[in-house]
């Protein structure tokens, strides 16, 4: 297929006066440029839903989710992966993020790291047919990311891509493609702006929806939160109070007995069982609290 210049490299002619604007006008222009980014993600909602379904299926049967990216895309993916563990109580080994250039690329650009497809393929060394791999690249042309996704697909993993350009070679390597049509950037080629914002929204949506399907959310409550600090311990206590009707002291007692696990504490109170029995009830229902309320 013939590929032209990526949409993300287009120059917005209407922004040619950017360096002549006053601070007020400049800020207004940059914020205004983000206003239709949500629409770009919303337009892909059906494809995103299919990706979410497949990722949830893989995780539910013991597979893992891998993110792959370079530069801004890789950093956003790594952030999303890191936040899933404390937010939803998922086991760390189930979520992996791979960024071109390795961990050092998270804080400083590693020039040329994204140009080696073989490195991307090697990053997928332990991917199996049970896994899902989500690749993120604004232009869809980062060789590291393309190489990784191609290798993952050869291994039988479910593969999906988030791109911001129709001229995206990465799309050829993916089973599902989420095309976020964000067009030209306020600063030409700076995909940390419109493209990055759209990617962040898409990643938030995919990870959150996946966790909801896996029973990590009840109603709109973060019931698998890992209470690792004072703020989160207080939140966990409030959740137990809200969903059982007990007072703060009793909620704290339940949480201590449940090892800090909100769902377990709730089931203990609602079903009149101990922590071991509550865990067994939850395990039998694959962690879905709804079935026990």
Protein backbone atom coordinates (compact mmCIF):
# COMPACT_ATOMS: atom_id res chain seq x y z
CA UNK A 1 0.00 0.00 0.00
CA UNK A 2 1.29 3.46 -0.88
CA UNK A 3 1.88 5.63 2.18
CA UNK A 4 1.90 9.40 2.18
CA UNK A 5 3.03 11.83 4.85
CA UNK A 6 1.37 10.97 8.19
CA UNK A 7 -1.58 13.16 9.11
CA UNK A 8 0.28 14.05 12.30
CA UNK A 9 2.97 15.81 10.23
CA UNK A 10 0.51 18.15 8.52
CA UNK A 11 0.94 21.90 9.05
CA UNK A 12 -2.11 23.86 10.16
CA UNK A 13 -2.00 27.01 8.08
CA UNK A 14 -4.38 28.76 10.46
CA UNK A 15 -1.72 28.58 13.17
CA UNK A 16 1.08 30.35 11.30
CA UNK A 17 0.82 33.36 13.64
CA UNK A 18 1.41 31.34 16.81
CA UNK A 19 4.69 33.05 17.71
CA UNK A 20 3.10 36.50 17.37
CA UNK A 21 0.21 35.99 19.78
CA UNK A 22 -0.13 37.56 23.22
CA UNK A 23 0.03 35.18 26.20
CA UNK A 24 -3.78 35.30 26.58
CA UNK A 25 -4.38 34.63 22.90
CA UNK A 26 -1.68 31.94 22.79
CA UNK A 27 -3.15 30.01 25.72
CA UNK A 28 -6.64 30.34 24.26
CA UNK A 29 -5.44 29.00 20.91
CA UNK A 30 -3.67 26.00 22.45
CA UNK A 31 -6.61 25.06 24.66
CA UNK A 32 -9.08 25.59 21.81
CA UNK A 33 -7.05 23.17 19.69
CA UNK A 34 -7.96 20.37 22.11
CA UNK A 35 -11.72 20.88 22.09
CA UNK A 36 -12.60 18.39 19.34
CA UNK A 37 -10.15 15.69 20.45
CA UNK A 38 -12.84 13.93 22.49
CA UNK A 39 -14.95 13.67 19.34
CA UNK A 40 -12.09 11.88 17.57
CA UNK A 41 -12.07 9.22 20.29
CA UNK A 42 -15.86 9.00 20.47
CA UNK A 43 -16.03 8.32 16.73
CA UNK A 44 -14.06 5.10 17.36
CA UNK A 45 -16.18 3.91 20.29
CA UNK A 46 -17.43 0.75 18.57
CA UNK A 47 -13.92 -0.41 17.70
CA UNK A 48 -12.72 0.47 21.19
CA UNK A 49 -15.54 -1.65 22.64
CA UNK A 50 -14.48 -4.68 20.57
CA UNK A 51 -10.87 -4.23 21.72
CA UNK A 52 -12.02 -4.01 25.34
CA UNK A 53 -14.06 -7.22 25.00
CA UNK A 54 -11.10 -9.15 23.61
CA UNK A 55 -8.63 -7.84 26.21
CA UNK A 56 -11.06 -8.73 29.02
CA UNK A 57 -11.49 -12.24 27.62
CA UNK A 58 -7.72 -12.74 27.54
CA UNK A 59 -7.19 -11.48 31.07
CA UNK A 60 -10.11 -13.49 32.44
CA UNK A 61 -8.58 -16.73 31.22
CA UNK A 62 -5.14 -15.93 32.62
CA UNK A 63 -3.53 -13.99 29.79
CA UNK A 64 -1.70 -10.68 30.09
CA UNK A 65 -2.01 -7.24 28.56
CA UNK A 66 1.05 -5.70 26.95
CA UNK A 67 1.36 -2.06 25.90
CA UNK A 68 3.97 -1.07 23.31
CA UNK A 69 4.95 2.46 22.34
CA UNK A 70 7.72 4.95 21.68
CA UNK A 71 8.20 8.53 22.83
CA UNK A 72 5.05 10.25 24.08
CA UNK A 73 2.89 7.27 23.13
CA UNK A 74 5.11 4.91 25.12
CA UNK A 75 5.09 7.18 28.16
CA UNK A 76 1.31 7.47 28.12
CA UNK A 77 0.97 3.71 27.82
CA UNK A 78 3.41 3.14 30.67
CA UNK A 79 1.48 5.58 32.85
CA UNK A 80 -1.79 3.78 32.15
CA UNK A 81 -0.25 0.40 32.94
CA UNK A 82 1.25 1.67 36.19
CA UNK A 83 -2.04 3.14 37.39
CA UNK A 84 -4.09 -0.01 36.79
CA UNK A 85 -2.46 -1.89 39.67
CA UNK A 86 -3.34 0.43 42.59
CA UNK A 87 -6.63 1.58 41.08
CA UNK A 88 -8.09 -1.83 40.34
CA UNK A 89 -6.06 -4.21 42.49
CA UNK A 90 -4.91 -6.20 39.48
CA UNK A 91 -1.79 -8.33 39.84
CA UNK A 92 1.27 -6.43 38.52
CA UNK A 93 2.42 -9.36 36.40
CA UNK A 94 -0.77 -9.17 34.32
CA UNK A 95 0.07 -5.74 32.86
CA UNK A 96 3.32 -4.95 31.04
CA UNK A 97 4.44 -1.78 29.28
CA UNK A 98 7.25 -1.80 26.71
CA UNK A 99 8.74 1.51 25.59
CA UNK A 100 11.45 1.97 22.98
CA UNK A 101 14.67 2.80 24.80
CA UNK A 102 13.62 1.13 28.04
CA UNK A 103 12.94 2.72 31.42
CA UNK A 104 15.32 5.64 30.82
CA UNK A 105 13.08 6.78 27.94
CA UNK A 106 10.37 7.56 30.47
CA UNK A 107 12.20 10.63 31.74
CA UNK A 108 14.45 11.59 28.82
CA UNK A 109 14.18 11.01 25.08
CA UNK A 110 16.39 8.18 23.84
CA UNK A 111 17.16 9.25 20.30
CA UNK A 112 16.90 6.54 17.67
CA UNK A 113 15.44 3.97 20.07
CA UNK A 114 12.23 3.70 18.07
CA UNK A 115 14.01 2.99 14.79
CA UNK A 116 14.86 -0.68 15.37
CA UNK A 117 12.08 -3.17 14.57
CA UNK A 118 14.22 -6.08 15.81
CA UNK A 119 14.33 -4.52 19.28
CA UNK A 120 10.55 -4.35 19.23
CA UNK A 121 10.32 -8.00 18.28
CA UNK A 122 12.68 -8.97 21.08
CA UNK A 123 10.53 -7.06 23.57
CA UNK A 124 7.73 -9.51 22.80
CA UNK A 125 9.90 -12.52 23.69
CA UNK A 126 7.57 -13.88 26.38
CA UNK A 127 4.26 -13.00 24.72
CA UNK A 128 1.97 -16.00 24.22
CA UNK A 129 -1.23 -16.76 22.34
CA UNK A 130 -3.15 -16.10 25.56
CA UNK A 131 -2.05 -12.45 25.68
CA UNK A 132 -3.32 -9.17 24.23
CA UNK A 133 -0.94 -6.55 22.85
CA UNK A 134 -1.96 -2.93 22.35
CA UNK A 135 0.46 -0.79 20.33
CA UNK A 136 0.32 3.00 20.36
CA UNK A 137 1.94 5.26 17.75
CA UNK A 138 0.68 8.64 16.59
CA UNK A 139 2.12 8.38 13.09
CA UNK A 140 1.83 4.60 13.10
CA UNK A 141 5.32 4.41 11.65
CA UNK A 142 7.65 3.73 14.61
CA UNK A 143 9.66 0.63 13.54
CA UNK A 144 10.10 -0.54 17.16
CA UNK A 145 6.33 -0.61 17.64
CA UNK A 146 5.63 -2.19 14.24
CA UNK A 147 8.22 -4.89 14.89
CA UNK A 148 6.76 -5.61 18.31
CA UNK A 149 3.19 -5.92 17.08
CA UNK A 150 4.17 -8.10 14.13
CA UNK A 151 6.07 -10.44 16.46
CA UNK A 152 3.15 -10.59 18.89
CA UNK A 153 0.74 -11.46 16.10
CA UNK A 154 3.04 -14.24 14.89
CA UNK A 155 2.90 -15.66 18.41
CA UNK A 156 -0.90 -15.76 18.23
CA UNK A 157 -1.62 -12.89 20.63
CA UNK A 158 -4.57 -10.59 20.06
CA UNK A 159 -3.17 -7.39 18.54
CA UNK A 160 -4.66 -3.91 18.43
CA UNK A 161 -3.24 -0.51 17.53
CA UNK A 162 -4.03 3.10 18.39
CA UNK A 163 -2.89 5.46 15.63
CA UNK A 164 -3.60 9.07 14.66
CA UNK A 165 -2.89 8.82 10.97
CA UNK A 166 -4.60 6.98 8.14
CA UNK A 167 -1.19 6.53 6.51
CA UNK A 168 -0.14 4.19 9.32
CA UNK A 169 1.99 1.12 8.53
CA UNK A 170 1.25 -0.12 12.06
CA UNK A 171 -2.35 -0.74 10.99
CA UNK A 172 -1.19 -3.58 8.74
CA UNK A 173 0.22 -5.47 11.72
CA UNK A 174 -2.89 -5.19 13.91
CA UNK A 175 -6.11 -7.19 14.01
CA UNK A 176 -8.02 -4.15 15.28
CA UNK A 177 -7.13 -0.52 14.55
CA UNK A 178 -8.38 2.47 16.54
CA UNK A 179 -7.87 5.46 14.26
CA UNK A 180 -8.04 8.74 16.17
CA UNK A 181 -8.34 11.41 13.49
CA UNK A 182 -6.77 14.35 15.32
CA UNK A 183 -5.18 15.91 12.25
CA UNK A 184 -2.61 18.70 12.30
CA UNK A 185 -1.10 19.79 15.61
CA UNK A 186 -0.99 23.40 16.91
CA UNK A 187 2.78 23.04 16.62
CA UNK A 188 3.39 20.97 13.51
CA UNK A 189 4.42 17.41 14.32
CA UNK A 190 4.23 17.82 18.11
CA UNK A 191 2.09 14.77 18.83
CA UNK A 192 2.33 15.28 22.58
CA UNK A 193 -0.56 17.69 22.02
CA UNK A 194 -3.77 16.72 20.16
CA UNK A 195 -2.67 13.17 19.32
CA UNK A 196 -1.34 12.59 22.84
CA UNK A 197 -4.51 13.89 24.45
CA UNK A 198 -6.63 11.58 22.30
CA UNK A 199 -4.39 8.62 23.11
CA UNK A 200 -4.68 9.33 26.84
CA UNK A 201 -8.48 9.39 26.61
CA UNK A 202 -8.50 6.16 24.60
CA UNK A 203 -6.14 4.40 27.00
CA UNK A 204 -8.14 5.55 30.03
CA UNK A 205 -11.29 4.24 28.36
CA UNK A 206 -9.81 0.88 27.38
CA UNK A 207 -8.22 0.10 30.74
CA UNK A 208 -11.19 1.30 32.79
CA UNK A 209 -13.80 -0.50 30.67
CA UNK A 210 -11.73 -3.68 30.75
CA UNK A 211 -11.52 -3.57 34.53
CA UNK A 212 -15.28 -2.97 34.82
CA UNK A 213 -15.93 -6.08 32.72
CA UNK A 214 -13.59 -8.04 35.00
CA UNK A 215 -15.59 -7.08 38.11
CA UNK A 216 -13.10 -4.54 39.46
CA UNK A 217 -15.83 -1.90 39.77
CA UNK A 218 -19.22 -2.06 41.50
CA UNK A 219 -21.70 0.59 40.36
CA UNK A 220 -19.18 3.39 39.82
CA UNK A 221 -17.08 2.58 42.89
CA UNK A 222 -13.41 1.61 43.02
CA UNK A 223 -13.97 -1.54 45.06
CA UNK A 224 -10.65 -3.23 44.27
CA UNK A 225 -8.56 -0.21 45.25
CA UNK A 226 -5.29 -1.15 46.96
CA UNK A 227 -5.21 0.95 50.14
CA UNK A 228 -1.51 1.81 50.26
CA UNK A 229 -1.71 5.24 51.91
CA UNK A 230 -3.86 7.21 54.35
CA UNK A 231 -6.09 8.69 51.65
CA UNK A 232 -6.80 5.31 50.07
CA UNK A 233 -7.36 3.63 53.45
CA UNK A 234 -9.97 6.27 54.24
CA UNK A 235 -11.58 5.71 50.84
CA UNK A 236 -11.68 1.96 51.42
CA UNK A 237 -13.38 2.51 54.77
CA UNK A 238 -15.98 4.80 53.21
CA UNK A 239 -16.71 2.21 50.52
CA UNK A 240 -17.35 -0.50 53.09
CA UNK A 241 -19.61 1.85 55.05
CA UNK A 242 -21.54 2.85 51.95
CA UNK A 243 -22.15 -0.67 50.71
CA UNK A 244 -22.90 -2.34 54.03
CA UNK A 245 -24.43 0.41 56.16
CA UNK A 246 -22.03 -0.15 59.08
CA UNK A 247 -20.32 2.62 61.03
CA UNK A 248 -16.68 3.64 60.60
CA UNK A 249 -15.39 1.50 63.46
CA UNK A 250 -17.05 -1.64 62.13
CA UNK A 251 -15.86 -0.89 58.59
CA UNK A 252 -12.28 -0.59 59.85
CA UNK A 253 -12.63 -3.87 61.73
CA UNK A 254 -13.92 -5.64 58.63
CA UNK A 255 -11.10 -4.28 56.51
CA UNK A 256 -8.48 -5.46 58.99
CA UNK A 257 -9.97 -8.94 58.96
CA UNK A 258 -10.14 -8.87 55.16
CA UNK A 259 -6.51 -7.86 54.76
CA UNK A 260 -7.54 -4.46 53.44
CA UNK A 261 -9.61 -5.90 50.58
CA UNK A 262 -12.80 -3.90 50.18
CA UNK A 263 -14.83 -6.55 48.34
CA UNK A 264 -13.93 -9.20 50.85
CA UNK A 265 -14.93 -6.93 53.76
CA UNK A 266 -18.27 -6.18 52.11
CA UNK A 267 -19.07 -9.84 51.50
CA UNK A 268 -18.13 -10.69 55.09
CA UNK A 269 -20.72 -8.23 56.38
CA UNK A 270 -23.42 -8.84 53.79
CA UNK A 271 -23.23 -12.66 53.96
CA UNK A 272 -22.21 -13.08 57.61
CA UNK A 273 -19.07 -15.07 56.78
CA UNK A 274 -15.39 -14.88 57.67
CA UNK A 275 -12.62 -13.64 55.37
CA UNK A 276 -11.75 -17.07 53.99
CA UNK A 277 -15.35 -17.84 53.14
CA UNK A 278 -15.81 -14.39 51.59
CA UNK A 279 -12.79 -14.91 49.37
CA UNK A 280 -14.12 -18.30 48.29
CA UNK A 281 -17.49 -16.79 47.39
CA UNK A 282 -15.79 -14.10 45.33
CA UNK A 283 -13.45 -16.57 43.62
CA UNK A 284 -16.44 -18.72 42.64
CA UNK A 285 -17.92 -15.67 40.89
CA UNK A 286 -14.62 -14.57 39.32
CA UNK A 287 -14.47 -11.56 41.63
CA UNK A 288 -17.81 -10.05 40.64
CA UNK A 289 -19.35 -8.43 43.72
CA UNK A 290 -22.64 -7.76 41.95
CA UNK A 291 -23.60 -11.43 42.21
CA UNK A 292 -23.20 -11.36 46.00
CA UNK A 293 -25.10 -8.17 46.83
